[in-house]
Protein backbone atom coordinates (compact mmCIF):
# COMPACT_ATOMS: atom_id res chain seq x y z
CA MET A 1 0.00 0.00 0.00
CA GLU A 2 1.01 3.63 -0.45
CA ALA A 3 0.93 5.75 2.69
CA ARG A 4 2.22 9.16 3.64
CA GLY A 5 5.93 8.56 3.98
CA GLY A 6 6.21 5.79 1.38
CA ARG A 7 5.14 2.31 0.39
CA LEU A 8 4.27 -0.22 3.09
CA ARG A 9 4.15 -3.97 2.57
CA TYR A 10 1.98 -6.11 4.81
CA LEU A 11 0.47 -9.58 4.87
CA VAL A 12 -3.10 -10.57 5.70
CA ALA A 13 -4.23 -14.09 6.62
CA GLY A 14 -6.95 -15.95 8.49
CA GLU A 15 -10.51 -15.16 9.50
CA GLY A 16 -12.09 -13.88 12.67
CA PRO A 17 -11.46 -10.95 15.00
CA PRO A 18 -8.44 -8.88 13.89
CA LEU A 19 -5.01 -9.29 15.44
CA VAL A 20 -1.96 -7.24 14.46
CA LEU A 21 1.60 -8.62 14.66
CA VAL A 22 4.61 -6.26 14.67
CA HIS A 23 8.13 -7.62 14.15
CA GLY A 24 11.43 -6.58 15.72
CA LEU A 25 14.55 -4.67 14.67
CA GLY A 26 16.08 -6.14 11.53
CA GLY A 27 13.08 -8.42 11.12
CA SER A 28 10.11 -8.52 8.79
CA ALA A 29 6.60 -9.90 8.55
CA THR A 30 8.05 -13.33 7.68
CA ASN A 31 9.44 -13.59 11.24
CA TRP A 32 5.95 -14.72 12.25
CA CYS A 33 5.88 -17.64 9.79
CA GLU A 34 5.67 -20.30 12.51
CA LEU A 35 3.37 -18.47 14.92
CA ALA A 36 1.01 -16.83 12.41
CA PRO A 37 -0.58 -20.08 11.11
CA LEU A 38 -1.43 -21.07 14.70
CA LEU A 39 -3.18 -17.73 15.29
CA ALA A 40 -4.80 -17.48 11.85
CA SER A 41 -7.25 -20.28 12.69
CA ARG A 42 -9.04 -17.85 15.04
CA HIS A 43 -7.99 -14.40 13.87
CA ARG A 44 -7.70 -12.23 10.83
CA LEU A 45 -4.02 -11.38 11.00
CA VAL A 46 -2.49 -8.16 9.74
CA VAL A 47 1.31 -8.32 9.66
CA PRO A 48 3.24 -5.27 8.41
CA ASP A 49 6.85 -4.77 7.47
CA LEU A 50 7.98 -1.73 9.46
CA PRO A 51 9.47 1.16 7.45
CA GLY A 52 12.94 0.36 6.14
CA HIS A 53 12.38 -3.34 6.82
CA GLY A 54 11.45 -6.05 4.33
CA GLY A 55 9.43 -4.63 1.45
CA SER A 56 8.49 -1.34 3.13
CA GLU A 57 10.20 1.88 2.12
CA PRO A 58 12.21 3.79 4.72
CA LEU A 59 10.99 6.98 6.36
CA SER A 60 12.39 10.20 4.94
CA ALA A 61 13.05 11.51 8.44
CA VAL A 62 12.80 9.80 11.80
CA SER A 63 12.23 11.42 15.18
CA GLY A 64 11.46 8.77 17.76
CA LEU A 65 9.38 5.64 17.32
CA GLN A 66 5.99 7.29 16.90
CA PRO A 67 6.28 7.40 13.07
CA TYR A 68 6.64 3.61 13.08
CA ALA A 69 3.53 3.29 15.25
CA ASP A 70 1.71 5.65 12.87
CA ARG A 71 2.48 3.33 9.95
CA VAL A 72 0.98 0.40 11.85
CA VAL A 73 -2.21 2.45 12.30
CA ALA A 74 -2.18 3.28 8.57
CA VAL A 75 -2.16 -0.42 7.73
CA MET A 76 -4.99 -1.07 10.20
CA GLU A 77 -7.06 1.72 8.68
CA ARG A 78 -6.40 0.41 5.18
CA GLU A 79 -7.83 -2.93 6.29
CA GLY A 80 -10.86 -1.32 7.94
CA ILE A 81 -9.70 -2.08 11.48
CA SER A 82 -10.58 0.64 13.97
CA CYS A 83 -9.37 -1.22 17.07
CA ALA A 84 -7.56 -4.51 17.67
CA PRO A 85 -5.17 -6.30 20.00
CA VAL A 86 -1.54 -5.94 18.91
CA VAL A 87 1.42 -8.25 19.51
CA GLY A 88 4.91 -6.77 19.30
CA HIS A 89 8.23 -8.63 19.32
CA SER A 90 11.45 -6.88 20.41
CA LEU A 91 11.46 -3.45 18.69
CA GLY A 92 7.85 -4.20 17.77
CA GLY A 93 7.01 -4.29 21.47
CA ILE A 94 7.97 -0.70 22.10
CA VAL A 95 6.34 0.36 18.82
CA VAL A 96 3.16 -1.26 20.16
CA LEU A 97 3.58 0.64 23.44
CA ARG A 98 3.92 3.93 21.56
CA LEU A 99 0.78 3.07 19.62
CA ALA A 100 -1.20 2.20 22.75
CA LEU A 101 -0.05 5.31 24.60
CA ARG A 102 -0.59 7.84 21.80
CA ARG A 103 -3.56 6.24 20.02
CA PRO A 104 -5.30 4.24 22.77
CA GLU A 105 -8.57 4.11 20.83
CA THR A 106 -6.90 1.83 18.24
CA VAL A 107 -5.57 -0.80 20.67
CA SER A 108 -7.76 -3.11 22.77
CA ALA A 109 -4.92 -5.15 24.29
CA ILE A 110 -1.18 -5.61 23.86
CA VAL A 111 1.30 -8.47 24.08
CA LEU A 112 4.97 -7.57 24.58
CA ALA A 113 7.05 -10.53 23.40
CA GLY A 114 10.68 -10.02 24.40
CA SER A 115 10.05 -6.29 24.15
CA ALA A 116 12.91 -3.85 23.74
CA GLY A 117 12.94 -0.43 25.35
CA LEU A 118 14.48 -0.86 28.79
CA SER A 119 18.07 -2.11 29.22
CA LEU A 120 18.63 -3.06 25.56
CA GLY A 121 20.99 -5.69 26.90
CA GLY A 122 23.70 -3.34 28.13
CA LEU A 123 26.53 -1.44 26.46
CA TRP A 124 28.10 -4.39 24.67
CA LEU A 125 24.84 -5.27 22.93
CA ARG A 126 24.18 -1.64 22.04
CA ASN A 127 27.57 -1.48 20.33
CA LEU A 128 26.91 -4.78 18.57
CA LEU A 129 23.52 -3.65 17.28
CA THR A 130 24.98 -0.36 16.08
CA ALA A 131 27.59 -2.27 14.08
CA VAL A 132 25.07 -4.78 12.74
CA THR A 133 22.66 -2.11 11.48
CA VAL A 134 25.51 -0.39 9.65
CA VAL A 135 27.40 -3.41 8.25
CA ARG A 136 24.26 -5.54 7.79
CA PRO A 137 25.80 -9.02 7.87
CA GLY A 138 22.28 -10.42 7.74
CA ARG A 139 22.19 -9.74 4.01
CA LEU A 140 24.75 -12.48 3.45
CA ALA A 141 22.92 -14.91 5.72
CA GLY A 142 19.64 -14.02 4.01
CA ARG A 143 21.01 -14.73 0.55
CA HIS A 144 22.23 -18.14 1.71
CA ARG A 145 19.45 -18.99 4.15
CA SER A 146 18.86 -22.46 2.68
CA LEU A 147 22.52 -23.25 3.33
CA VAL A 148 22.21 -21.87 6.87
CA ALA A 149 19.23 -24.14 7.47
CA ARG A 150 21.21 -27.20 6.37
CA SER A 151 24.40 -26.45 8.31
CA PRO A 152 24.55 -26.88 12.12
CA ARG A 153 27.70 -24.75 12.21
CA LEU A 154 26.09 -21.88 10.31
CA ARG A 155 22.94 -22.11 12.42
CA ARG A 156 25.04 -21.66 15.56
CA LEU A 157 26.98 -18.80 13.97
CA VAL A 158 23.87 -16.92 12.81
CA PHE A 159 21.46 -17.64 15.66
CA GLY A 160 23.45 -18.87 18.63
CA PHE A 161 25.21 -15.79 19.92
CA VAL A 162 22.40 -13.66 21.38
CA SER A 163 19.16 -14.82 19.79
CA VAL A 164 18.25 -18.49 20.11
CA ALA A 165 18.69 -20.95 22.96
CA ASP A 166 18.86 -23.97 20.62
CA PRO A 167 19.75 -23.03 17.02
CA LEU A 168 19.54 -26.66 15.90
CA GLY A 169 15.99 -26.85 17.24
CA LEU A 170 14.68 -24.18 14.85
CA THR A 171 12.66 -25.55 11.96
CA ASP A 172 13.88 -24.82 8.43
CA THR A 173 10.76 -22.70 8.01
CA ALA A 174 11.69 -20.58 11.03
CA VAL A 175 15.26 -20.13 9.74
CA ASP A 176 13.91 -18.95 6.39
CA GLY A 177 11.38 -16.67 8.08
CA PHE A 178 13.96 -14.93 10.25
CA LEU A 179 16.41 -14.42 7.37
CA ALA A 180 14.22 -13.79 4.31
CA GLY A 181 13.62 -10.10 4.98
CA GLN A 182 17.31 -9.37 5.49
CA VAL A 183 18.01 -9.09 1.77
CA LEU A 184 15.26 -6.48 1.32
CA HIS A 185 16.04 -4.10 4.20
CA THR A 186 16.81 -0.52 3.20
CA ASP A 187 17.14 1.28 6.56
CA THR A 188 17.21 -0.51 9.90
CA ALA A 189 19.71 1.96 11.37
CA SER A 190 17.08 4.70 11.77
CA ALA A 191 14.86 2.34 13.75
CA TRP A 192 17.80 1.40 15.96
CA ARG A 193 18.63 5.05 16.68
CA ALA A 194 14.98 5.77 17.50
CA LEU A 195 14.85 2.74 19.79
CA ARG A 196 18.11 3.63 21.49
CA ASP A 197 16.84 7.12 22.34
CA ASP A 198 13.41 6.01 23.55
CA ASP A 199 12.79 5.26 27.23
CA PRO A 200 9.15 4.43 28.04
CA ARG A 201 9.55 3.98 31.80
CA GLU A 202 7.89 7.22 32.86
CA GLU A 203 4.87 6.62 30.64
CA LEU A 204 4.05 2.98 31.31
CA GLU A 205 1.73 3.73 34.20
CA GLN A 206 -0.45 5.70 31.76
CA LEU A 207 -1.32 2.57 29.79
CA HIS A 208 -4.78 1.28 30.67
CA CYS A 209 -5.52 -1.51 28.18
CA PRO A 210 -4.93 -5.16 29.16
CA ALA A 211 -1.30 -6.22 28.67
CA LEU A 212 0.70 -9.44 28.70
CA VAL A 213 4.49 -9.66 29.01
CA LEU A 214 5.80 -12.75 27.20
CA TRP A 215 9.48 -13.68 27.46
CA GLY A 216 11.93 -16.41 26.57
CA ALA A 217 13.32 -17.87 29.79
CA GLU A 218 16.83 -18.05 28.27
CA ASP A 219 16.84 -14.65 26.57
CA VAL A 220 20.41 -13.31 26.83
CA GLN A 221 19.72 -10.36 24.54
CA LEU A 222 17.04 -8.78 26.73
CA PRO A 223 17.23 -10.18 30.27
CA LEU A 224 14.36 -11.35 32.42
CA ASP A 225 14.90 -8.32 34.63
CA ASP A 226 13.38 -6.27 31.78
CA ALA A 227 10.37 -8.57 31.71
CA PHE A 228 9.82 -8.16 35.45
CA GLU A 229 10.09 -4.37 35.18
CA TYR A 230 7.61 -4.22 32.32
CA ALA A 231 5.19 -6.47 34.21
CA ARG A 232 5.50 -4.40 37.39
CA ARG A 233 5.06 -1.02 35.73
CA LEU A 234 2.20 -2.19 33.51
CA ARG A 235 0.57 -4.20 36.32
CA ALA A 236 0.51 -7.04 33.80
CA PRO A 237 0.96 -10.80 34.03
CA LEU A 238 4.31 -12.25 32.95
CA ARG A 239 4.57 -15.54 31.07
CA THR A 240 8.00 -17.04 30.53
CA ILE A 241 8.51 -19.66 27.84
CA ALA A 242 11.00 -22.36 28.79
CA GLY A 243 13.73 -23.51 26.44
CA CYS A 244 13.94 -20.46 24.23
CA GLY A 245 15.74 -17.17 23.90
CA HIS A 246 14.99 -13.84 22.27
CA LEU A 247 13.40 -15.27 19.11
CA LEU A 248 10.68 -17.03 21.10
CA ILE A 249 8.04 -16.45 18.40
CA GLY A 250 9.90 -18.91 16.16
CA GLU A 251 11.53 -21.10 18.79
CA ARG A 252 8.38 -22.05 20.70
CA PRO A 253 5.43 -20.95 18.54
CA GLU A 254 2.93 -23.37 20.08
CA ALA A 255 3.64 -22.14 23.62
CA CYS A 256 3.49 -18.52 22.45
CA ALA A 257 0.20 -19.10 20.64
CA HIS A 258 -1.33 -20.74 23.71
CA ALA A 259 -0.24 -17.86 25.96
CA ILE A 260 -1.56 -15.23 23.52
CA GLU A 261 -4.91 -16.95 22.98
CA GLU A 262 -5.44 -17.46 26.71
CA PHE A 263 -4.59 -13.82 27.40
CA LEU A 264 -6.87 -12.52 24.64
CA ALA A 265 -9.75 -14.65 25.91
CA ASN A 266 -9.28 -13.26 29.43
CA ALA A 267 -8.83 -9.71 28.12
CA GLY A 268 -12.05 -10.01 26.12
CA THR A 269 -13.91 -11.12 29.23
CA LEU A 270 -12.52 -8.19 31.22
CA LEU A 271 -13.39 -5.68 28.50
CA SER A 272 -16.92 -7.08 28.18
CA ALA A 273 -17.42 -6.91 31.95
CA SER A 274 -16.06 -3.36 32.03
CA GLY A 275 -18.37 -2.31 29.21
CA ALA A 276 -21.36 -3.86 30.92
CA ALA A 277 -20.51 -2.11 34.20
CA ALA A 278 -20.15 1.22 32.40
CA GLY A 279 -23.52 0.68 30.77
CA ARG A 280 -25.19 0.01 34.11
CA SER A 281 -23.61 3.05 35.73
CA GLY A 282 -24.74 5.22 32.83
């Protein structure tokens, strides 16, 4: 689709109530290739490539993460969705937070899956991510992703350092999904700079929609301390997924899908009860 600021690519699948999925830094819509089919049986999924990622054009100028959240809203509006729950992974998590804080009428509930925005893993990881967004080694891995899938050594090299608890346990489909968008990226550095400069701590208490914090128990990129802080400040439940790291949406898709569906069912009950109470008081 064409939107103010450039072309946006997004995927749509499934039937039912809408659900929006937002990928992380250096990712793309294909990152959800293992989890999306599990959710599409009950939801109409809308899965955008963020600006500068995958098939979406970069932003001409970036000041903070709000422009990325605005593009998610543009995709929702294009699909006739006025309000929906939104799941964000890593960078996508803080984009989702920006969306829920600035445009609360568009978001009924949020799931933060390994969400960035707090420690960002410390100084060493910040320096690593700065280098990666400039040098973009993922392009090489993306071009040879079928070879990566077949080679245990390359799997460990590409996924084992800070992302995945068990690189050999990833399916070939997940490997392809995490690497496919790498060859199309045009500007991930702007998103990294916006993320690096964004600190949501002082605003989290202003969020009033239901929230779930979902984390890989072995995430060495964004530690569990971040998950606990998000849960505390948002007054939200925390679900940890055993046996996986930062890329939990591809490592343990069944466990993630179960946690998301259970949360959405409970959130729907709470929202219905709240609406009924408001109606009685009015």
